[in-house]
Amino acid sequence: MVVQGLADLLLGAEELPSGGLAQALARSGDRPLRIKLGFDPTKPDLHIGHAVVLWALRRFQDAGHQLVIIIGDFTARIGDPTGKQEARPPLSAEEVEENARTYLAQMGRVIDLEKAEIHRNSEWLGGMDLTAAIRLMGQATVAQMLARENFALRYERGDAIGLHEFLYPLLQGYDSVAIQADVELGGTDQKFNNLMGRHLQENADMPPQTVLLYPLLEGIGTSEKMSKSLNNYIALTDAPKIMYDKVMAIADHQMPDYYTLASGLSAAEIMETLTALKAGTLDPRAAKLKLAWAITRLYHGQAIADALRGGAIGDTDIPGVTLESGLPTPRLMVALKLSPSTSQARERLKEGAVRLMRRDGASYAVDRVLSDPNETLELTDAGLVLQVGKKYAMARLVEA
């Protein structure tokens, strides 16, 4: 991904205040900006809607800035009511840690975690005594809290609002003070919390962070936000063909948001594509094919995306070899003449260059990337197709 300045860094974001990022860059001089993303690990799986802010982080990382990832292990045990019309149930410490582990593994598909600072907010919140907590609560008013939409709705209905819920935005905002954030990224549903960070930084005589808010990506063919519970999501861990087909299933009117928020293309290329689409010089199906290719490329690499965009392959295109079942993948690759040696086969597996194909009607398409050299692939009567680079071969089962 090539970063081309402010246009790419601000791609798809609402900037608060307007011009804040340029001011932060000017203020920092040669010092990399500290770019904050905080998350409460409430669910174990991420989808491409969650990844909108991750790719924004990646653009900042590619530009040389310092990412600061905050795992809300303390705040997750309180429960953020953001976007909810009722209190969110808190999680146990064990649930938080297991979800955090899974989150980080999936985040590592997008950003370089080795170059990022990773903190748990229990580092500074866990040891906060009651005196410090009361001082923190004294920096906001009940009127400010009731200005938050979901609190206001619940208050008007006469629903219960726990005092601990008022504490949540203050604790999340205090994270920005603790790590001295220059910029905080979040979804539009985090606006209140992120602006609270600016408020607390100003009270601490710190330059207030710039807030970049990103729209919540709609799910496949719906007006609802992408959600696993609604089964309208594209998971980061979806197999390549499944991911590609899901993108092809989105509604035409959703393409601008998917291009802007989820394609990984540069601001200039996105503008060029969407302008052509709007002018009618680019066919909607061609635009969607390009989008499916771009999104699949982000998570599975160019070779697989190119193979999928190029279309499936038929049986007559694939040379076959008859083998016994139960060979480890490197030996199978050598037998299929897809690698000259098992050692090189292991290297290709490590590079993510080996794909297992699956039958798709009268042809084959990419099913998943193979990476485990110890995996044994069982053959069936229908045969098994591997792709390495641009080469394909089928292993057929020896007849009894």
Protein backbone atom coordinates (compact mmCIF):
# COMPACT_ATOMS: atom_id res chain seq x y z
CA MET A 1 0.00 0.00 0.00
CA VAL A 2 1.41 3.41 -0.97
CA VAL A 3 0.62 6.38 1.24
CA GLN A 4 0.33 9.67 -0.63
CA GLY A 5 -0.06 12.21 2.17
CA LEU A 6 -3.08 13.66 3.95
CA ALA A 7 -5.62 12.44 1.38
CA ASP A 8 -4.73 8.81 2.15
CA LEU A 9 -4.35 9.33 5.89
CA LEU A 10 -7.82 10.89 6.05
CA LEU A 11 -9.45 8.47 3.59
CA GLY A 12 -13.07 7.82 4.62
CA ALA A 13 -12.74 9.62 7.97
CA GLU A 14 -14.65 12.42 9.68
CA GLU A 15 -11.92 14.63 11.16
CA LEU A 16 -12.51 16.40 14.48
CA PRO A 17 -11.59 19.20 14.55
CA SER A 18 -11.33 19.92 10.83
CA GLY A 19 -7.67 20.42 9.96
CA GLY A 20 -6.60 18.78 13.22
CA LEU A 21 -4.33 16.20 11.60
CA ALA A 22 -2.38 18.80 9.64
CA GLN A 23 -1.98 20.81 12.85
CA ALA A 24 -0.78 17.74 14.75
CA LEU A 25 1.77 16.96 12.02
CA ALA A 26 3.03 20.54 12.08
CA ARG A 27 3.22 20.53 15.88
CA SER A 28 5.14 17.25 16.05
CA GLY A 29 7.84 18.22 13.56
CA ASP A 30 10.03 15.17 12.93
CA ARG A 31 8.49 13.20 15.82
CA PRO A 32 6.17 10.40 14.68
CA LEU A 33 2.59 10.93 15.80
CA ARG A 34 1.20 8.57 18.43
CA ILE A 35 -1.86 6.98 16.82
CA LYS A 36 -4.25 5.37 19.28
CA LEU A 37 -6.76 2.59 18.76
CA GLY A 38 -8.49 1.16 21.78
CA PHE A 39 -10.76 -1.86 21.74
CA ASP A 40 -12.67 -3.89 24.28
CA PRO A 41 -12.28 -7.57 23.30
CA THR A 42 -15.96 -8.43 23.65
CA LYS A 43 -16.21 -10.95 20.78
CA PRO A 44 -13.55 -13.27 19.36
CA ASP A 45 -14.03 -12.75 15.60
CA LEU A 46 -13.34 -9.73 13.40
CA HIS A 47 -14.89 -8.92 10.03
CA ILE A 48 -13.95 -6.39 7.34
CA GLY A 49 -16.20 -3.80 9.01
CA HIS A 50 -13.95 -3.97 12.08
CA ALA A 51 -10.93 -3.80 9.77
CA VAL A 52 -11.84 -0.35 8.41
CA VAL A 53 -9.93 1.31 11.26
CA LEU A 54 -7.17 -1.31 11.05
CA TRP A 55 -6.38 -0.35 7.46
CA ALA A 56 -6.46 3.30 8.50
CA LEU A 57 -3.89 2.39 11.16
CA ARG A 58 -1.83 0.59 8.53
CA ARG A 59 -1.70 3.74 6.40
CA PHE A 60 -0.35 5.68 9.40
CA GLN A 61 2.14 2.91 10.13
CA ASP A 62 3.35 2.89 6.52
CA ALA A 63 3.84 6.66 6.83
CA GLY A 64 6.20 6.10 9.77
CA HIS A 65 3.94 6.94 12.73
CA GLN A 66 3.76 5.06 16.02
CA LEU A 67 0.72 2.87 16.57
CA VAL A 68 -0.49 2.46 20.14
CA ILE A 69 -2.98 -0.39 20.58
CA ILE A 70 -4.90 -0.44 23.85
CA ILE A 71 -6.64 -3.61 24.94
CA GLY A 72 -9.49 -2.53 27.19
CA ASP A 73 -9.12 -5.38 29.66
CA PHE A 74 -10.22 -3.09 32.51
CA THR A 75 -13.02 -1.25 30.68
CA ALA A 76 -14.39 -4.49 29.16
CA ARG A 77 -15.18 -5.60 32.70
CA ILE A 78 -17.40 -2.50 33.06
CA GLY A 79 -19.19 -2.68 29.72
CA ASP A 80 -19.49 0.11 27.15
CA PRO A 81 -23.10 1.09 26.37
CA THR A 82 -22.02 2.65 23.05
CA GLY A 83 -24.73 2.19 20.43
CA LYS A 84 -26.85 0.26 22.89
CA GLN A 85 -30.12 1.21 24.50
CA GLU A 86 -29.31 -0.89 27.53
CA ALA A 87 -26.26 -1.67 29.62
CA ARG A 88 -23.81 -4.12 28.09
CA PRO A 89 -23.01 -7.07 30.37
CA PRO A 90 -19.41 -7.03 31.64
CA LEU A 91 -17.03 -9.88 30.82
CA SER A 92 -14.90 -12.05 33.07
CA ALA A 93 -11.11 -11.57 33.10
CA GLU A 94 -10.72 -14.98 31.40
CA GLU A 95 -13.12 -14.07 28.58
CA VAL A 96 -11.32 -10.77 28.05
CA GLU A 97 -7.89 -12.42 27.79
CA GLU A 98 -9.02 -15.14 25.39
CA ASN A 99 -10.80 -12.63 23.14
CA ALA A 100 -7.78 -10.29 23.26
CA ARG A 101 -5.49 -13.09 22.09
CA THR A 102 -7.77 -13.83 19.14
CA TYR A 103 -8.21 -10.13 18.31
CA LEU A 104 -4.46 -9.52 18.18
CA ALA A 105 -3.88 -12.55 15.96
CA GLN A 106 -6.42 -11.22 13.46
CA MET A 107 -5.16 -7.62 13.73
CA GLY A 108 -1.74 -8.96 12.79
CA ARG A 109 -3.12 -9.76 9.33
CA VAL A 110 -3.34 -6.00 8.72
CA ILE A 111 -0.79 -4.14 10.86
CA ASP A 112 2.74 -4.99 11.97
CA LEU A 113 2.21 -5.71 15.65
CA GLU A 114 5.96 -5.98 16.28
CA LYS A 115 6.31 -2.27 15.50
CA ALA A 116 3.27 -1.25 17.55
CA GLU A 117 3.02 -0.47 21.26
CA ILE A 118 0.47 -2.76 22.89
CA HIS A 119 -0.95 -1.89 26.30
CA ARG A 120 -3.75 -3.11 28.54
CA ASN A 121 -5.55 -0.23 30.20
CA SER A 122 -5.43 -2.08 33.52
CA GLU A 123 -1.80 -0.85 33.58
CA TRP A 124 -3.00 2.60 34.68
CA LEU A 125 -6.65 2.03 35.61
CA GLY A 126 -6.16 -1.07 37.74
CA GLY A 127 -4.15 0.81 40.34
CA MET A 128 -6.30 3.95 40.41
CA ASP A 129 -7.46 4.66 43.97
CA LEU A 130 -10.82 6.12 44.94
CA THR A 131 -9.41 9.64 45.32
CA ALA A 132 -8.08 9.61 41.75
CA ALA A 133 -11.33 8.11 40.46
CA ILE A 134 -13.38 10.88 42.14
CA ARG A 135 -11.09 13.54 40.66
CA LEU A 136 -11.61 11.96 37.24
CA MET A 137 -15.40 11.95 37.66
CA GLY A 138 -15.23 15.60 38.64
CA GLN A 139 -14.07 16.48 35.12
CA ALA A 140 -17.49 15.79 33.56
CA THR A 141 -21.06 16.69 34.42
CA VAL A 142 -24.31 14.71 34.43
CA ALA A 143 -25.57 17.09 31.71
CA GLN A 144 -22.61 16.15 29.50
CA MET A 145 -23.32 12.46 29.98
CA LEU A 146 -27.04 12.85 29.24
CA ALA A 147 -26.13 14.61 26.00
CA ARG A 148 -24.99 11.22 24.76
CA GLU A 149 -27.80 9.88 22.57
CA ASN A 150 -28.26 6.41 24.04
CA PHE A 151 -28.20 7.76 27.60
CA ALA A 152 -30.75 10.43 26.66
CA LEU A 153 -33.11 7.86 25.13
CA ARG A 154 -32.91 5.59 28.12
CA TYR A 155 -33.40 8.50 30.54
CA GLU A 156 -36.49 9.71 28.65
CA ARG A 157 -37.97 6.21 28.79
CA GLY A 158 -37.26 6.00 32.50
CA ASP A 159 -34.88 3.05 32.03
CA ALA A 160 -32.20 2.42 34.62
CA ILE A 161 -28.73 3.88 33.94
CA GLY A 162 -26.00 2.62 36.23
CA LEU A 163 -23.51 5.16 37.58
CA HIS A 164 -20.71 2.88 36.40
CA GLU A 165 -21.88 3.50 32.82
CA PHE A 166 -21.13 7.21 33.22
CA LEU A 167 -17.65 6.22 34.31
CA TYR A 168 -16.89 4.29 31.12
CA PRO A 169 -16.32 7.28 28.74
CA LEU A 170 -14.09 8.89 31.36
CA LEU A 171 -11.93 5.79 31.68
CA GLN A 172 -11.63 5.36 27.91
CA GLY A 173 -10.83 9.06 27.58
CA TYR A 174 -8.20 8.76 30.29
CA ASP A 175 -6.43 6.16 28.13
CA SER A 176 -5.56 9.01 25.75
CA VAL A 177 -4.01 10.96 28.63
CA ALA A 178 -2.04 7.93 29.83
CA ILE A 179 -0.43 7.18 26.44
CA GLN A 180 -0.25 10.83 25.26
CA ALA A 181 -2.18 10.20 22.04
CA ASP A 182 -1.88 12.65 19.16
CA VAL A 183 -4.60 10.98 17.09
CA GLU A 184 -7.35 8.53 18.02
CA LEU A 185 -9.20 6.37 15.52
CA GLY A 186 -12.62 4.83 16.02
CA GLY A 187 -16.02 4.13 14.55
CA THR A 188 -18.70 6.82 14.47
CA ASP A 189 -20.30 5.09 17.46
CA GLN A 190 -17.21 6.04 19.49
CA LYS A 191 -17.53 9.79 18.95
CA PHE A 192 -18.56 10.64 22.51
CA ASN A 193 -15.79 8.54 24.06
CA ASN A 194 -13.09 9.84 21.71
CA LEU A 195 -14.04 13.47 22.26
CA MET A 196 -13.94 12.83 26.01
CA GLY A 197 -10.28 11.96 25.47
CA ARG A 198 -9.72 15.43 23.97
CA HIS A 199 -11.53 17.01 26.94
CA LEU A 200 -9.41 15.17 29.52
CA GLN A 201 -6.17 15.93 27.67
CA GLU A 202 -7.00 19.65 27.66
CA ASN A 203 -7.67 19.46 31.42
CA ALA A 204 -4.24 17.83 31.81
CA ASP A 205 -2.59 20.70 29.86
CA MET A 206 -1.82 18.38 26.94
CA PRO A 207 -2.41 19.11 23.24
CA PRO A 208 -5.83 17.53 22.55
CA GLN A 209 -5.84 14.59 20.19
CA THR A 210 -7.29 14.72 16.71
CA VAL A 211 -10.20 12.30 16.35
CA LEU A 212 -10.77 10.37 13.12
CA LEU A 213 -14.15 8.63 12.94
CA TYR A 214 -15.04 5.99 10.37
CA PRO A 215 -18.55 4.99 9.22
CA LEU A 216 -19.86 1.57 10.21
CA LEU A 217 -19.77 -0.61 7.10
CA GLU A 218 -23.14 -1.98 5.99
CA GLY A 219 -23.52 -5.72 5.74
CA ILE A 220 -23.92 -7.65 2.50
CA GLY A 221 -26.98 -6.36 0.67
CA THR A 222 -28.59 -4.82 3.78
CA SER A 223 -28.94 -1.41 5.40
CA GLU A 224 -27.91 -2.90 8.76
CA LYS A 225 -24.33 -2.60 9.95
CA MET A 226 -22.11 -5.60 9.26
CA SER A 227 -22.66 -8.10 12.06
CA LYS A 228 -22.01 -11.76 12.69
CA SER A 229 -25.35 -12.06 14.47
CA LEU A 230 -27.13 -10.86 11.30
CA ASN A 231 -25.06 -13.19 9.08
CA ASN A 232 -24.29 -10.32 6.70
CA TYR A 233 -20.56 -10.19 7.37
CA ILE A 234 -17.29 -10.94 5.57
CA ALA A 235 -14.87 -12.44 8.10
CA LEU A 236 -11.14 -11.73 7.96
CA THR A 237 -10.64 -15.48 8.11
CA ASP A 238 -13.06 -16.39 5.28
CA ALA A 239 -11.56 -18.66 2.62
CA PRO A 240 -10.55 -16.73 -0.53
CA LYS A 241 -13.37 -17.95 -2.77
CA ILE A 242 -15.95 -17.37 -0.04
CA MET A 243 -14.65 -13.84 0.56
CA TYR A 244 -14.59 -13.08 -3.16
CA ASP A 245 -18.16 -14.35 -3.66
CA LYS A 246 -19.46 -12.42 -0.64
CA VAL A 247 -18.09 -9.16 -2.05
CA MET A 248 -19.75 -9.95 -5.38
CA ALA A 249 -23.05 -10.29 -3.48
CA ILE A 250 -23.12 -6.71 -2.13
CA ALA A 251 -25.65 -4.26 -3.58
CA ASP A 252 -24.44 -1.91 -6.31
CA HIS A 253 -25.22 1.16 -4.19
CA GLN A 254 -22.87 -0.16 -1.47
CA MET A 255 -19.81 -0.13 -3.72
CA PRO A 256 -18.70 3.46 -2.94
CA ASP A 257 -18.51 2.73 0.81
CA TYR A 258 -16.80 -0.62 0.29
CA TYR A 259 -14.28 0.96 -2.09
CA THR A 260 -13.57 3.85 0.28
CA LEU A 261 -13.52 1.93 3.55
CA ALA A 262 -12.48 -1.63 2.74
CA SER A 263 -10.61 -1.93 -0.58
CA GLY A 264 -7.11 -0.88 0.48
CA LEU A 265 -6.71 1.09 -2.76
CA SER A 266 -5.24 4.59 -2.74
CA ALA A 267 -7.46 7.65 -2.50
CA ALA A 268 -6.60 8.58 -6.10
CA GLU A 269 -7.47 5.13 -7.49
CA ILE A 270 -10.72 4.98 -5.53
CA MET A 271 -11.76 8.42 -6.81
CA GLU A 272 -10.91 7.45 -10.38
CA THR A 273 -12.91 4.22 -10.15
CA LEU A 274 -15.97 5.75 -8.48
CA THR A 275 -15.98 8.69 -10.89
CA ALA A 276 -15.99 6.29 -13.85
CA LEU A 277 -18.74 4.22 -12.22
CA LYS A 278 -20.92 7.29 -11.64
CA ALA A 279 -20.32 8.57 -15.19
CA GLY A 280 -21.31 5.21 -16.66
CA THR A 281 -17.93 4.62 -18.32
CA LEU A 282 -17.27 1.70 -15.95
CA ASP A 283 -19.74 -1.20 -15.91
CA PRO A 284 -21.08 -1.97 -12.38
CA ARG A 285 -20.14 -5.64 -12.68
CA ALA A 286 -16.61 -4.74 -13.75
CA ALA A 287 -16.37 -2.37 -10.78
CA LYS A 288 -17.57 -5.11 -8.44
CA LEU A 289 -15.09 -7.62 -9.89
CA LYS A 290 -12.30 -5.13 -9.25
CA LEU A 291 -13.58 -4.57 -5.69
CA ALA A 292 -13.77 -8.32 -4.97
CA TRP A 293 -10.22 -8.69 -6.29
CA ALA A 294 -8.96 -5.76 -4.17
CA ILE A 295 -10.51 -6.99 -0.91
CA THR A 296 -9.42 -10.60 -1.45
CA ARG A 297 -5.90 -9.38 -2.23
CA LEU A 298 -5.71 -7.62 1.14
CA TYR A 299 -6.23 -10.80 3.12
CA HIS A 300 -5.01 -13.58 0.83
CA GLY A 301 -2.39 -11.99 -1.43
CA GLN A 302 -2.19 -10.96 -5.05
CA ALA A 303 -1.65 -14.41 -6.56
CA ILE A 304 -4.88 -15.79 -5.13
CA ALA A 305 -6.86 -12.65 -5.97
CA ASP A 306 -5.52 -12.76 -9.54
CA ALA A 307 -6.47 -16.43 -9.84
CA LEU A 308 -10.01 -15.73 -8.67
CA ARG A 309 -10.43 -12.70 -10.93
CA GLY A 310 -9.10 -14.73 -13.85
CA GLY A 311 -11.93 -17.20 -13.39
CA ALA A 312 -12.08 -20.83 -12.39
CA ILE A 313 -10.27 -23.60 -14.27
CA GLY A 314 -11.83 -26.66 -15.85
CA ASP A 315 -10.80 -30.32 -15.56
CA THR A 316 -9.26 -30.37 -19.02
CA ASP A 317 -6.77 -27.66 -17.98
CA ILE A 318 -5.33 -29.71 -15.12
CA PRO A 319 -2.73 -32.46 -15.55
CA GLY A 320 -3.37 -35.39 -13.21
CA VAL A 321 -1.32 -37.98 -11.35
CA THR A 322 -2.67 -41.16 -9.75
CA LEU A 323 -1.43 -41.58 -6.16
CA GLU A 324 -2.16 -43.30 -2.91
CA SER A 325 -3.87 -41.22 -0.23
CA GLY A 326 -2.20 -39.94 2.92
CA LEU A 327 0.91 -38.11 1.62
CA PRO A 328 2.11 -35.04 3.58
CA THR A 329 1.62 -31.88 1.53
CA PRO A 330 5.33 -31.36 0.58
CA ARG A 331 5.60 -34.94 -0.77
CA LEU A 332 2.29 -34.54 -2.58
CA MET A 333 3.60 -31.37 -4.26
CA VAL A 334 6.72 -33.21 -5.46
CA ALA A 335 4.65 -36.14 -6.77
CA LEU A 336 2.46 -33.67 -8.69
CA LYS A 337 5.60 -32.00 -10.15
CA LEU A 338 4.59 -28.71 -8.51
CA SER A 339 7.93 -28.59 -6.68
CA PRO A 340 11.34 -30.12 -7.42
CA SER A 341 11.96 -31.04 -3.77
CA THR A 342 10.22 -31.31 -0.40
CA SER A 343 12.46 -28.59 1.03
CA GLN A 344 11.40 -26.13 -1.67
CA ALA A 345 7.80 -27.27 -1.20
CA ARG A 346 8.07 -26.34 2.48
CA GLU A 347 9.34 -22.90 1.50
CA ARG A 348 6.42 -22.36 -0.88
CA LEU A 349 4.01 -23.38 1.87
CA LYS A 350 5.68 -20.91 4.24
CA GLU A 351 5.31 -18.16 1.60
CA GLY A 352 1.57 -18.81 1.29
CA ALA A 353 1.98 -19.75 -2.38
CA VAL A 354 0.13 -23.09 -2.24
CA ARG A 355 -3.63 -23.20 -2.74
CA LEU A 356 -6.12 -26.03 -2.42
CA MET A 357 -8.79 -25.82 -5.12
CA ARG A 358 -12.36 -27.02 -4.74
CA ARG A 359 -14.89 -28.11 -7.33
CA ASP A 360 -17.26 -25.30 -8.27
CA GLY A 361 -19.79 -26.74 -10.68
CA ALA A 362 -17.90 -27.94 -13.76
CA SER A 363 -14.70 -26.17 -12.74
CA TYR A 364 -12.42 -25.46 -9.77
CA ALA A 365 -11.83 -22.33 -7.70
CA VAL A 366 -9.55 -21.44 -4.77
CA ASP A 367 -10.75 -22.92 -1.47
CA ARG A 368 -7.96 -22.13 0.99
CA VAL A 369 -4.26 -21.42 1.35
CA LEU A 370 -2.13 -24.29 2.63
CA SER A 371 0.67 -23.48 5.08
CA ASP A 372 1.21 -26.53 7.33
CA PRO A 373 3.97 -28.83 5.94
CA ASN A 374 2.77 -31.61 8.24
CA GLU A 375 -0.81 -31.56 6.96
CA THR A 376 -1.92 -34.74 5.22
CA LEU A 377 -4.47 -34.27 2.47
CA GLU A 378 -6.83 -37.20 1.97
CA LEU A 379 -7.69 -38.02 -1.63
CA THR A 380 -11.18 -38.82 -2.86
CA ASP A 381 -12.55 -40.38 -6.02
CA ALA A 382 -13.15 -36.89 -7.36
CA GLY A 383 -9.48 -36.02 -6.99
CA LEU A 384 -7.72 -33.14 -5.31
CA VAL A 385 -6.30 -30.09 -7.07
CA LEU A 386 -3.36 -28.00 -5.87
CA GLN A 387 -2.13 -24.70 -7.32
CA VAL A 388 1.39 -23.37 -6.84
CA GLY A 389 2.01 -20.07 -8.58
CA LYS A 390 0.39 -20.47 -12.01
CA LYS A 391 0.74 -24.27 -12.08
CA TYR A 392 -2.09 -26.66 -11.32
CA ALA A 393 -2.14 -30.43 -10.86
CA MET A 394 -4.69 -33.02 -9.76
CA ALA A 395 -3.96 -36.00 -7.52
CA ARG A 396 -6.28 -38.88 -8.34
CA LEU A 397 -6.84 -41.79 -5.99
CA VAL A 398 -5.34 -45.17 -6.92
CA GLU A 399 -8.17 -47.58 -7.70
CA ALA A 400 -8.46 -50.50 -5.30
